[in-house]
Amino acid sequence: MSKPDPIWAEDGSGDAVARHLARVIAAHPSATIAVPGGSTPLPIFEKLVGEGIDWSGVTLMLGDDRIVEHGHAASNQAKLEGAFCATEARIVALEEGMAVPDLDLLWLGMGEDGHIASLFPEMEGEDAPGRTVIRTRPVPLPPEAPFPRLSMNMEALTGAPREIILVIRGEAKKRVLADAIAGRGTVPVATLIARATCPITIYWSPE
């Protein structure tokens, strides 16, 4: 059976992403969902919390995080816990070497260099067999976030999820992703698309 081609959603807005997550939770009340860090997901988290969703059976975790103290401003784990503190969702923290569970949904962002989670075109870090969390260090360290990272490895990103959504903004990222879908280049998002066997939906908007 051939793998499905990525689908570009007609509506790439944050509202559409929130509706997608709500549908997944409605279909799988005990869903396990991996989400990205950074500032882009925060308004979407806020929309979800206000939707009256039953979070009691839902597990949330990050696909990657910066290795900083929990109270640090760069901690995505702290942002995730803060966003869902008023819900009954179970929030799992990443640990180096932990096994990645089956995911009902993997939500990823992407950088203009084609990186996904904290798997970069140039990085330090040794992969490990199986679906696991590894330590990485982008080269060079980005000045806005100069920290080593924890990240699901490529085997986890491609083998654990039931479905993937990629949420991207801007023309530059759209071009990078279009090249990856066409099989051009070897950046991490191209590897993800080549290896993933589950459905991939792309939510893109100009800004």
N, C-alpha and C. Protein backbone atom coordinates (compact mmCIF):
# COMPACT_ATOMS: atom_id res chain seq x y z
N MET A 1 0.84 -1.18 0.00
CA MET A 1 0.00 0.00 0.00
C MET A 1 0.88 1.24 0.00
N SER A 2 0.60 2.21 -0.90
CA SER A 2 1.43 3.40 -0.99
C SER A 2 1.13 4.36 0.15
N LYS A 3 2.13 5.12 0.53
CA LYS A 3 1.95 6.09 1.61
C LYS A 3 1.19 7.29 1.08
N PRO A 4 0.38 7.95 1.93
CA PRO A 4 -0.38 9.11 1.47
C PRO A 4 0.52 10.32 1.27
N ASP A 5 0.18 11.14 0.28
CA ASP A 5 0.90 12.39 0.08
C ASP A 5 0.47 13.40 1.14
N PRO A 6 1.37 14.30 1.55
CA PRO A 6 0.95 15.37 2.47
C PRO A 6 -0.18 16.20 1.87
N ILE A 7 -1.08 16.65 2.72
CA ILE A 7 -2.23 17.44 2.30
C ILE A 7 -2.07 18.86 2.84
N TRP A 8 -2.27 19.84 1.96
CA TRP A 8 -2.27 21.25 2.38
C TRP A 8 -3.69 21.62 2.77
N ALA A 9 -3.89 21.97 4.03
CA ALA A 9 -5.23 22.35 4.49
C ALA A 9 -5.68 23.63 3.79
N GLU A 10 -6.95 23.71 3.45
CA GLU A 10 -7.48 24.93 2.82
C GLU A 10 -7.40 26.12 3.77
N ASP A 11 -7.61 25.87 5.04
CA ASP A 11 -7.56 26.91 6.07
C ASP A 11 -6.34 26.63 6.94
N GLY A 12 -5.34 27.49 6.88
CA GLY A 12 -4.12 27.27 7.64
C GLY A 12 -4.05 28.04 8.94
N SER A 13 -5.16 28.58 9.38
CA SER A 13 -5.17 29.45 10.56
C SER A 13 -5.00 28.68 11.86
N GLY A 14 -4.70 29.44 12.92
CA GLY A 14 -4.63 28.84 14.24
C GLY A 14 -5.95 28.24 14.67
N ASP A 15 -7.06 28.87 14.28
CA ASP A 15 -8.38 28.32 14.61
C ASP A 15 -8.55 26.94 13.99
N ALA A 16 -8.09 26.78 12.75
CA ALA A 16 -8.21 25.48 12.08
C ALA A 16 -7.35 24.43 12.77
N VAL A 17 -6.17 24.81 13.23
CA VAL A 17 -5.32 23.88 13.97
C VAL A 17 -6.01 23.46 15.26
N ALA A 18 -6.59 24.42 15.97
CA ALA A 18 -7.29 24.10 17.21
C ALA A 18 -8.45 23.13 16.95
N ARG A 19 -9.17 23.35 15.87
CA ARG A 19 -10.28 22.44 15.54
C ARG A 19 -9.76 21.04 15.25
N HIS A 20 -8.61 20.94 14.60
CA HIS A 20 -8.03 19.63 14.31
C HIS A 20 -7.73 18.89 15.61
N LEU A 21 -7.08 19.57 16.54
CA LEU A 21 -6.78 18.92 17.82
C LEU A 21 -8.04 18.52 18.55
N ALA A 22 -9.06 19.39 18.52
CA ALA A 22 -10.32 19.06 19.19
C ALA A 22 -10.96 17.82 18.59
N ARG A 23 -10.87 17.68 17.26
CA ARG A 23 -11.42 16.48 16.61
C ARG A 23 -10.67 15.23 17.05
N VAL A 24 -9.36 15.32 17.16
CA VAL A 24 -8.57 14.16 17.59
C VAL A 24 -8.97 13.74 18.99
N ILE A 25 -9.13 14.71 19.88
CA ILE A 25 -9.48 14.38 21.26
C ILE A 25 -10.90 13.83 21.34
N ALA A 26 -11.81 14.35 20.53
CA ALA A 26 -13.17 13.82 20.52
C ALA A 26 -13.20 12.37 20.04
N ALA A 27 -12.34 12.05 19.06
CA ALA A 27 -12.29 10.69 18.53
C ALA A 27 -11.52 9.75 19.44
N HIS A 28 -10.56 10.30 20.20
CA HIS A 28 -9.70 9.49 21.09
C HIS A 28 -9.63 10.19 22.44
N PRO A 29 -10.61 9.96 23.32
CA PRO A 29 -10.64 10.67 24.60
C PRO A 29 -9.42 10.43 25.48
N SER A 30 -8.68 9.34 25.23
CA SER A 30 -7.45 9.09 25.98
C SER A 30 -6.23 9.35 25.10
N ALA A 31 -6.33 10.36 24.24
CA ALA A 31 -5.28 10.65 23.27
C ALA A 31 -3.97 11.04 23.92
N THR A 32 -2.88 10.66 23.26
CA THR A 32 -1.55 11.16 23.58
C THR A 32 -1.10 12.03 22.42
N ILE A 33 -0.79 13.29 22.72
CA ILE A 33 -0.50 14.29 21.70
C ILE A 33 0.83 14.95 22.01
N ALA A 34 1.69 15.05 21.01
CA ALA A 34 2.95 15.78 21.14
C ALA A 34 2.81 17.11 20.43
N VAL A 35 3.28 18.17 21.08
CA VAL A 35 3.13 19.53 20.55
C VAL A 35 4.49 20.20 20.48
N PRO A 36 4.60 21.28 19.69
CA PRO A 36 5.86 22.00 19.60
C PRO A 36 6.01 23.03 20.71
N GLY A 37 7.23 23.51 20.88
CA GLY A 37 7.47 24.60 21.81
C GLY A 37 7.45 25.93 21.08
N GLY A 38 8.00 26.96 21.73
CA GLY A 38 8.04 28.28 21.14
C GLY A 38 6.77 29.06 21.40
N SER A 39 6.68 30.24 20.78
CA SER A 39 5.55 31.13 21.03
C SER A 39 4.36 30.88 20.11
N THR A 40 4.60 30.30 18.91
CA THR A 40 3.51 30.12 17.94
C THR A 40 2.35 29.29 18.49
N PRO A 41 2.60 28.19 19.23
CA PRO A 41 1.46 27.38 19.70
C PRO A 41 0.64 28.02 20.80
N LEU A 42 1.18 29.03 21.51
CA LEU A 42 0.51 29.51 22.72
C LEU A 42 -0.89 30.05 22.47
N PRO A 43 -1.14 30.85 21.43
CA PRO A 43 -2.53 31.28 21.18
C PRO A 43 -3.45 30.12 20.85
N ILE A 44 -2.91 29.08 20.22
CA ILE A 44 -3.72 27.90 19.89
C ILE A 44 -4.05 27.14 21.16
N PHE A 45 -3.08 27.01 22.07
CA PHE A 45 -3.36 26.39 23.37
C PHE A 45 -4.49 27.14 24.07
N GLU A 46 -4.44 28.48 24.03
CA GLU A 46 -5.46 29.28 24.70
C GLU A 46 -6.84 29.02 24.11
N LYS A 47 -6.92 28.90 22.79
CA LYS A 47 -8.19 28.58 22.15
C LYS A 47 -8.71 27.23 22.62
N LEU A 48 -7.83 26.24 22.70
CA LEU A 48 -8.23 24.90 23.07
C LEU A 48 -8.75 24.85 24.50
N VAL A 49 -8.08 25.54 25.39
CA VAL A 49 -8.50 25.52 26.80
C VAL A 49 -9.88 26.14 26.95
N GLY A 50 -10.22 27.08 26.08
CA GLY A 50 -11.53 27.73 26.16
C GLY A 50 -12.64 27.00 25.45
N GLU A 51 -12.35 25.80 24.89
CA GLU A 51 -13.35 25.09 24.08
C GLU A 51 -14.22 24.12 24.88
N GLY A 52 -13.99 24.00 26.17
CA GLY A 52 -14.79 23.08 26.97
C GLY A 52 -14.49 21.62 26.71
N ILE A 53 -13.28 21.32 26.27
CA ILE A 53 -12.85 19.95 25.98
C ILE A 53 -12.64 19.19 27.29
N ASP A 54 -13.02 17.91 27.30
CA ASP A 54 -12.74 17.04 28.44
C ASP A 54 -11.29 16.57 28.32
N TRP A 55 -10.43 17.11 29.15
CA TRP A 55 -9.00 16.81 29.10
C TRP A 55 -8.60 15.67 30.03
N SER A 56 -9.54 15.10 30.75
CA SER A 56 -9.19 14.20 31.84
C SER A 56 -8.42 12.95 31.40
N GLY A 57 -8.60 12.53 30.14
CA GLY A 57 -7.89 11.35 29.68
C GLY A 57 -6.74 11.66 28.75
N VAL A 58 -6.46 12.96 28.51
CA VAL A 58 -5.50 13.37 27.49
C VAL A 58 -4.10 13.51 28.10
N THR A 59 -3.11 13.01 27.37
CA THR A 59 -1.71 13.20 27.74
C THR A 59 -1.06 14.12 26.73
N LEU A 60 -0.39 15.16 27.21
CA LEU A 60 0.33 16.11 26.36
C LEU A 60 1.82 16.04 26.66
N MET A 61 2.62 16.15 25.62
CA MET A 61 4.07 16.19 25.78
C MET A 61 4.66 17.00 24.64
N LEU A 62 5.87 17.44 24.84
CA LEU A 62 6.58 18.19 23.81
C LEU A 62 7.33 17.26 22.88
N GLY A 63 7.51 17.69 21.63
CA GLY A 63 8.38 16.95 20.73
C GLY A 63 9.84 17.25 21.00
N ASP A 64 10.10 18.42 21.60
CA ASP A 64 11.47 18.79 21.96
C ASP A 64 11.41 19.91 22.98
N ASP A 65 12.54 20.17 23.64
CA ASP A 65 12.61 21.26 24.59
C ASP A 65 14.06 21.70 24.75
N ARG A 66 14.23 22.91 25.29
CA ARG A 66 15.56 23.39 25.63
C ARG A 66 15.98 22.81 26.98
N ILE A 67 17.25 22.52 27.15
CA ILE A 67 17.74 22.01 28.43
C ILE A 67 18.08 23.21 29.30
N VAL A 68 17.10 23.64 30.08
CA VAL A 68 17.23 24.77 31.00
C VAL A 68 16.48 24.40 32.27
N GLU A 69 16.68 25.19 33.32
CA GLU A 69 15.93 24.97 34.54
C GLU A 69 14.45 25.22 34.28
N HIS A 70 13.61 24.54 35.06
CA HIS A 70 12.17 24.58 34.80
C HIS A 70 11.63 26.00 34.83
N GLY A 71 12.14 26.83 35.71
CA GLY A 71 11.62 28.18 35.83
C GLY A 71 12.20 29.16 34.82
N HIS A 72 13.09 28.70 33.97
CA HIS A 72 13.75 29.57 32.99
C HIS A 72 12.73 30.03 31.94
N ALA A 73 12.91 31.25 31.46
CA ALA A 73 11.98 31.80 30.46
C ALA A 73 11.98 31.01 29.17
N ALA A 74 13.05 30.25 28.89
CA ALA A 74 13.15 29.48 27.65
C ALA A 74 12.58 28.07 27.79
N SER A 75 12.05 27.72 28.97
CA SER A 75 11.53 26.37 29.18
C SER A 75 10.18 26.21 28.51
N ASN A 76 10.12 25.39 27.48
CA ASN A 76 8.84 25.09 26.83
C ASN A 76 7.96 24.23 27.71
N GLN A 77 8.57 23.38 28.55
CA GLN A 77 7.79 22.57 29.47
C GLN A 77 6.99 23.47 30.43
N ALA A 78 7.63 24.50 30.93
CA ALA A 78 6.93 25.42 31.84
C ALA A 78 5.80 26.13 31.12
N LYS A 79 6.01 26.51 29.85
CA LYS A 79 4.94 27.17 29.08
C LYS A 79 3.77 26.21 28.86
N LEU A 80 4.08 24.95 28.55
CA LEU A 80 3.03 23.97 28.32
C LEU A 80 2.22 23.73 29.59
N GLU A 81 2.91 23.56 30.70
CA GLU A 81 2.22 23.35 31.97
C GLU A 81 1.37 24.56 32.35
N GLY A 82 1.91 25.75 32.09
CA GLY A 82 1.15 26.95 32.41
C GLY A 82 -0.09 27.10 31.55
N ALA A 83 0.02 26.74 30.28
CA ALA A 83 -1.11 26.88 29.36
C ALA A 83 -2.27 25.96 29.74
N PHE A 84 -1.95 24.77 30.27
CA PHE A 84 -3.00 23.79 30.55
C PHE A 84 -3.20 23.55 32.05
N CYS A 85 -2.74 24.48 32.87
CA CYS A 85 -2.82 24.28 34.32
C CYS A 85 -4.26 24.23 34.83
N ALA A 86 -5.19 24.83 34.08
CA ALA A 86 -6.58 24.83 34.52
C ALA A 86 -7.35 23.61 34.02
N THR A 87 -6.68 22.71 33.31
CA THR A 87 -7.34 21.51 32.79
C THR A 87 -6.85 20.28 33.56
N GLU A 88 -7.46 19.14 33.24
CA GLU A 88 -7.04 17.88 33.87
C GLU A 88 -6.08 17.10 32.99
N ALA A 89 -5.54 17.73 31.96
CA ALA A 89 -4.60 17.03 31.08
C ALA A 89 -3.36 16.59 31.86
N ARG A 90 -2.84 15.45 31.48
CA ARG A 90 -1.58 14.95 32.05
C ARG A 90 -0.44 15.47 31.19
N ILE A 91 0.51 16.16 31.81
CA ILE A 91 1.63 16.75 31.09
C ILE A 91 2.89 15.95 31.40
N VAL A 92 3.50 15.38 30.38
CA VAL A 92 4.69 14.55 30.54
C VAL A 92 5.92 15.34 30.13
N ALA A 93 6.94 15.34 30.95
CA ALA A 93 8.20 16.03 30.65
C ALA A 93 9.14 15.09 29.91
N LEU A 94 9.89 15.64 28.97
CA LEU A 94 10.88 14.84 28.25
C LEU A 94 12.08 14.55 29.12
N GLU A 95 12.63 13.35 28.95
CA GLU A 95 13.87 12.97 29.61
C GLU A 95 14.74 12.26 28.60
N GLU A 96 16.03 12.51 28.67
CA GLU A 96 16.95 11.86 27.74
C GLU A 96 16.86 10.34 27.89
N GLY A 97 16.70 9.65 26.77
CA GLY A 97 16.64 8.19 26.77
C GLY A 97 15.25 7.62 26.98
N MET A 98 14.25 8.45 27.26
CA MET A 98 12.91 7.91 27.49
C MET A 98 12.31 7.39 26.19
N ALA A 99 11.51 6.34 26.30
CA ALA A 99 10.83 5.79 25.13
C ALA A 99 9.66 6.68 24.76
N VAL A 100 9.47 6.92 23.48
CA VAL A 100 8.36 7.73 23.01
C VAL A 100 7.15 6.82 22.80
N PRO A 101 6.03 7.13 23.42
CA PRO A 101 4.84 6.27 23.29
C PRO A 101 4.17 6.43 21.94
N ASP A 102 3.19 5.58 21.66
CA ASP A 102 2.35 5.78 20.49
C ASP A 102 1.65 7.13 20.63
N LEU A 103 1.61 7.88 19.54
CA LEU A 103 1.02 9.21 19.55
C LEU A 103 -0.22 9.22 18.66
N ASP A 104 -1.32 9.74 19.18
CA ASP A 104 -2.49 9.91 18.34
C ASP A 104 -2.30 11.08 17.40
N LEU A 105 -1.48 12.05 17.80
CA LEU A 105 -1.18 13.20 16.95
C LEU A 105 0.19 13.74 17.30
N LEU A 106 0.98 14.02 16.28
CA LEU A 106 2.25 14.73 16.42
C LEU A 106 2.11 16.06 15.70
N TRP A 107 2.20 17.14 16.45
CA TRP A 107 2.13 18.49 15.91
C TRP A 107 3.55 19.05 15.88
N LEU A 108 4.01 19.42 14.70
CA LEU A 108 5.37 19.93 14.52
C LEU A 108 5.34 21.33 13.89
N GLY A 109 6.30 22.13 14.27
CA GLY A 109 6.63 23.33 13.53
C GLY A 109 7.85 23.03 12.66
N MET A 110 8.38 24.05 12.00
CA MET A 110 9.55 23.87 11.15
C MET A 110 10.29 25.19 11.04
N GLY A 111 11.62 25.14 11.07
CA GLY A 111 12.42 26.33 10.86
C GLY A 111 12.70 26.57 9.39
N GLU A 112 13.18 27.77 9.07
CA GLU A 112 13.50 28.08 7.67
C GLU A 112 14.66 27.25 7.15
N ASP A 113 15.43 26.64 8.07
CA ASP A 113 16.51 25.74 7.65
C ASP A 113 16.02 24.31 7.47
N GLY A 114 14.72 24.08 7.66
CA GLY A 114 14.15 22.74 7.50
C GLY A 114 14.25 21.88 8.74
N HIS A 115 14.59 22.47 9.89
CA HIS A 115 14.66 21.64 11.10
C HIS A 115 13.26 21.39 11.66
N ILE A 116 13.10 20.25 12.30
CA ILE A 116 11.85 19.88 12.96
C ILE A 116 12.19 19.39 14.35
N ALA A 117 11.29 19.62 15.32
CA ALA A 117 11.62 19.38 16.72
C ALA A 117 12.99 20.02 16.97
N SER A 118 13.93 19.30 17.55
CA SER A 118 15.30 19.83 17.65
C SER A 118 16.27 18.95 16.89
N LEU A 119 15.84 18.54 15.69
CA LEU A 119 16.71 17.85 14.75
C LEU A 119 17.06 18.86 13.66
N PHE A 120 18.33 19.29 13.64
CA PHE A 120 18.79 20.37 12.77
C PHE A 120 19.65 19.82 11.63
N PRO A 121 19.74 20.57 10.52
CA PRO A 121 20.63 20.14 9.44
C PRO A 121 22.07 19.95 9.91
N GLU A 122 22.53 20.82 10.81
CA GLU A 122 23.85 20.69 11.41
C GLU A 122 23.68 20.70 12.92
N MET A 123 24.10 19.62 13.56
CA MET A 123 23.95 19.55 15.01
C MET A 123 24.92 18.55 15.60
N GLU A 124 25.14 18.68 16.89
CA GLU A 124 25.90 17.70 17.65
C GLU A 124 24.92 16.82 18.40
N GLY A 125 25.26 15.54 18.53
CA GLY A 125 24.38 14.63 19.26
C GLY A 125 24.36 13.27 18.59
N GLU A 126 24.29 12.24 19.41
CA GLU A 126 24.26 10.88 18.89
C GLU A 126 22.84 10.35 18.93
N ASP A 127 22.43 9.74 17.81
CA ASP A 127 21.11 9.11 17.78
C ASP A 127 21.16 7.83 18.59
N ALA A 128 20.01 7.30 18.87
CA ALA A 128 19.89 6.05 19.61
C ALA A 128 18.85 5.18 18.90
N PRO A 129 18.99 3.87 19.01
CA PRO A 129 18.01 3.00 18.35
C PRO A 129 16.65 3.08 19.02
N GLY A 130 15.61 2.86 18.23
CA GLY A 130 14.26 2.87 18.77
C GLY A 130 13.67 4.26 18.81
N ARG A 131 12.42 4.32 19.23
CA ARG A 131 11.70 5.59 19.34
C ARG A 131 12.05 6.21 20.68
N THR A 132 12.96 7.16 20.68
CA THR A 132 13.48 7.65 21.94
C THR A 132 13.75 9.14 21.90
N VAL A 133 14.10 9.69 23.05
CA VAL A 133 14.45 11.10 23.19
C VAL A 133 15.96 11.21 23.31
N ILE A 134 16.54 12.08 22.50
CA ILE A 134 17.99 12.24 22.47
C ILE A 134 18.36 13.68 22.80
N ARG A 135 19.63 13.87 23.16
CA ARG A 135 20.18 15.20 23.40
C ARG A 135 20.81 15.71 22.11
N THR A 136 20.50 16.95 21.74
CA THR A 136 21.08 17.55 20.54
C THR A 136 21.60 18.95 20.87
N ARG A 137 22.44 19.45 19.96
CA ARG A 137 22.96 20.82 20.09
C ARG A 137 23.08 21.40 18.70
N PRO A 138 22.21 22.35 18.34
CA PRO A 138 22.30 22.92 16.99
C PRO A 138 23.63 23.63 16.77
N VAL A 139 24.14 23.53 15.54
CA VAL A 139 25.38 24.20 15.16
C VAL A 139 25.10 25.11 13.98
N PRO A 140 25.29 26.43 14.16
CA PRO A 140 25.65 27.10 15.41
C PRO A 140 24.44 27.22 16.34
N LEU A 141 24.71 27.52 17.60
CA LEU A 141 23.61 27.77 18.52
C LEU A 141 22.88 29.05 18.11
N PRO A 142 21.58 29.02 17.97
CA PRO A 142 20.86 30.25 17.61
C PRO A 142 20.95 31.27 18.73
N PRO A 143 21.26 32.52 18.43
CA PRO A 143 21.42 33.51 19.49
C PRO A 143 20.17 33.76 20.31
N GLU A 144 18.99 33.53 19.70
CA GLU A 144 17.75 33.76 20.44
C GLU A 144 17.43 32.62 21.41
N ALA A 145 18.09 31.47 21.26
CA ALA A 145 17.87 30.33 22.15
C ALA A 145 19.15 29.49 22.20
N PRO A 146 20.20 29.99 22.84
CA PRO A 146 21.51 29.32 22.80
C PRO A 146 21.63 28.19 23.83
N PHE A 147 20.83 27.16 23.63
CA PHE A 147 20.78 26.08 24.62
C PHE A 147 20.85 24.72 23.91
N PRO A 148 21.46 23.72 24.57
CA PRO A 148 21.30 22.35 24.07
C PRO A 148 19.85 21.93 24.23
N ARG A 149 19.48 20.85 23.56
CA ARG A 149 18.06 20.47 23.50
C ARG A 149 17.86 18.99 23.83
N LEU A 150 16.61 18.66 24.12
CA LEU A 150 16.12 17.29 24.10
C LEU A 150 15.13 17.20 22.96
N SER A 151 15.18 16.09 22.22
CA SER A 151 14.30 15.95 21.06
C SER A 151 13.93 14.50 20.82
N MET A 152 12.70 14.28 20.39
CA MET A 152 12.36 12.98 19.84
C MET A 152 13.26 12.75 18.63
N ASN A 153 13.77 11.53 18.49
CA ASN A 153 14.62 11.25 17.34
C ASN A 153 13.76 11.00 16.10
N MET A 154 14.41 10.86 14.95
CA MET A 154 13.65 10.72 13.71
C MET A 154 12.82 9.45 13.71
N GLU A 155 13.31 8.39 14.32
CA GLU A 155 12.52 7.16 14.37
C GLU A 155 11.23 7.38 15.14
N ALA A 156 11.28 8.18 16.21
CA ALA A 156 10.07 8.48 16.97
C ALA A 156 9.14 9.39 16.16
N LEU A 157 9.70 10.40 15.50
CA LEU A 157 8.87 11.34 14.75
C LEU A 157 8.16 10.68 13.58
N THR A 158 8.76 9.64 13.03
CA THR A 158 8.15 8.99 11.87
C THR A 158 7.42 7.69 12.22
N GLY A 159 7.76 7.08 13.35
CA GLY A 159 7.18 5.78 13.68
C GLY A 159 6.15 5.78 14.77
N ALA A 160 6.11 6.83 15.60
CA ALA A 160 5.19 6.84 16.73
C ALA A 160 3.80 7.36 16.42
N PRO A 161 3.66 8.37 15.52
CA PRO A 161 2.34 9.01 15.39
C PRO A 161 1.34 8.29 14.49
N ARG A 162 0.07 8.43 14.86
CA ARG A 162 -1.04 8.01 14.01
C ARG A 162 -1.25 9.01 12.88
N GLU A 163 -0.96 10.28 13.16
CA GLU A 163 -1.00 11.32 12.14
C GLU A 163 -0.10 12.47 12.57
N ILE A 164 0.31 13.29 11.58
CA ILE A 164 1.19 14.42 11.81
C ILE A 164 0.53 15.67 11.24
N ILE A 165 0.64 16.78 11.98
CA ILE A 165 0.32 18.07 11.39
C ILE A 165 1.57 18.94 11.45
N LEU A 166 1.82 19.64 10.36
CA LEU A 166 2.92 20.61 10.28
C LEU A 166 2.30 21.99 10.20
N VAL A 167 2.64 22.85 11.13
CA VAL A 167 2.10 24.20 11.18
C VAL A 167 3.22 25.17 10.87
N ILE A 168 3.13 25.86 9.73
CA ILE A 168 4.20 26.74 9.30
C ILE A 168 3.63 28.09 8.88
N ARG A 169 4.47 29.10 8.97
CA ARG A 169 4.07 30.45 8.63
C ARG A 169 5.13 31.08 7.73
N GLY A 170 4.70 31.80 6.68
CA GLY A 170 5.61 32.56 5.84
C GLY A 170 5.98 31.87 4.54
N GLU A 171 6.30 32.68 3.55
CA GLU A 171 6.62 32.17 2.22
C GLU A 171 7.92 31.37 2.21
N ALA A 172 8.91 31.80 2.98
CA ALA A 172 10.20 31.10 2.97
C ALA A 172 10.04 29.65 3.44
N LYS A 173 9.29 29.45 4.50
CA LYS A 173 9.08 28.09 5.00
C LYS A 173 8.25 27.27 4.02
N LYS A 174 7.31 27.92 3.36
CA LYS A 174 6.50 27.21 2.36
C LYS A 174 7.39 26.66 1.25
N ARG A 175 8.36 27.46 0.80
CA ARG A 175 9.27 27.01 -0.25
C ARG A 175 10.13 25.83 0.22
N VAL A 176 10.63 25.91 1.44
CA VAL A 176 11.43 24.81 1.99
C VAL A 176 10.62 23.53 2.04
N LEU A 177 9.38 23.63 2.50
CA LEU A 177 8.53 22.45 2.62
C LEU A 177 8.15 21.90 1.25
N ALA A 178 7.87 22.78 0.29
CA ALA A 178 7.54 22.32 -1.06
C ALA A 178 8.71 21.55 -1.66
N ASP A 179 9.93 22.03 -1.45
CA ASP A 179 11.12 21.30 -1.93
C ASP A 179 11.22 19.93 -1.25
N ALA A 180 10.94 19.89 0.04
CA ALA A 180 11.02 18.61 0.77
C ALA A 180 10.00 17.61 0.24
N ILE A 181 8.79 18.08 -0.03
CA ILE A 181 7.75 17.19 -0.55
C ILE A 181 8.13 16.67 -1.93
N ALA A 182 8.80 17.52 -2.71
CA ALA A 182 9.22 17.13 -4.06
C ALA A 182 10.45 16.23 -4.05
N GLY A 183 11.00 15.97 -2.86
CA GLY A 183 12.16 15.09 -2.77
C GLY A 183 13.48 15.79 -3.00
N ARG A 184 13.47 17.12 -2.93
CA ARG A 184 14.69 17.88 -3.11
C ARG A 184 15.28 18.23 -1.74
N GLY A 185 16.55 17.92 -1.55
CA GLY A 185 17.22 18.28 -0.31
C GLY A 185 17.23 17.16 0.71
N THR A 186 18.05 17.37 1.73
CA THR A 186 18.23 16.35 2.77
C THR A 186 18.01 16.93 4.16
N VAL A 187 17.33 18.06 4.25
CA VAL A 187 17.07 18.65 5.56
C VAL A 187 16.12 17.74 6.35
N PRO A 188 16.08 17.90 7.67
CA PRO A 188 15.27 16.97 8.48
C PRO A 188 13.81 16.85 8.06
N VAL A 189 13.16 17.96 7.64
CA VAL A 189 11.75 17.83 7.26
C VAL A 189 11.61 16.97 6.01
N ALA A 190 12.60 16.99 5.13
CA ALA A 190 12.55 16.12 3.95
C ALA A 190 12.66 14.66 4.35
N THR A 191 13.51 14.38 5.35
CA THR A 191 13.62 13.01 5.85
C THR A 191 12.31 12.55 6.49
N LEU A 192 11.70 13.44 7.26
CA LEU A 192 10.41 13.12 7.88
C LEU A 192 9.39 12.73 6.82
N ILE A 193 9.26 13.54 5.79
CA ILE A 193 8.26 13.29 4.76
C ILE A 193 8.55 12.01 4.00
N ALA A 194 9.83 11.74 3.76
CA ALA A 194 10.21 10.53 3.04
C ALA A 194 9.93 9.27 3.85
N ARG A 195 10.09 9.35 5.17
CA ARG A 195 9.99 8.14 6.01
C ARG A 195 8.63 7.94 6.64
N ALA A 196 7.88 8.99 6.89
CA ALA A 196 6.60 8.85 7.59
C ALA A 196 5.61 8.07 6.72
N THR A 197 4.87 7.20 7.35
CA THR A 197 3.85 6.41 6.65
C THR A 197 2.44 6.84 7.03
N CYS A 198 2.32 7.74 8.00
CA CYS A 198 1.00 8.19 8.44
C CYS A 198 0.58 9.44 7.65
N PRO A 199 -0.68 9.82 7.72
CA PRO A 199 -1.12 11.05 7.06
C PRO A 199 -0.42 12.28 7.63
N ILE A 200 -0.10 13.23 6.75
CA ILE A 200 0.50 14.50 7.14
C ILE A 200 -0.39 15.62 6.59
N THR A 201 -0.84 16.51 7.48
CA THR A 201 -1.62 17.67 7.06
C THR A 201 -0.80 18.92 7.35
N ILE A 202 -0.72 19.81 6.37
CA ILE A 202 0.07 21.03 6.50
C ILE A 202 -0.88 22.22 6.70
N TYR A 203 -0.64 22.96 7.76
CA TYR A 203 -1.38 24.19 8.01
C TYR A 203 -0.42 25.36 7.78
N TRP A 204 -0.60 26.02 6.64
CA TRP A 204 0.27 27.14 6.28
C TRP A 204 -0.53 28.41 6.14
N SER A 205 0.05 29.49 6.61
CA SER A 205 -0.52 30.80 6.36
C SER A 205 0.61 31.79 6.11
N PRO A 206 0.35 32.90 5.43
CA PRO A 206 1.42 33.82 5.06
C PRO A 206 2.16 34.41 6.26
N GLU A 207 1.46 34.62 7.37
CA GLU A 207 2.09 35.23 8.56
C GLU A 207 1.68 34.48 9.81
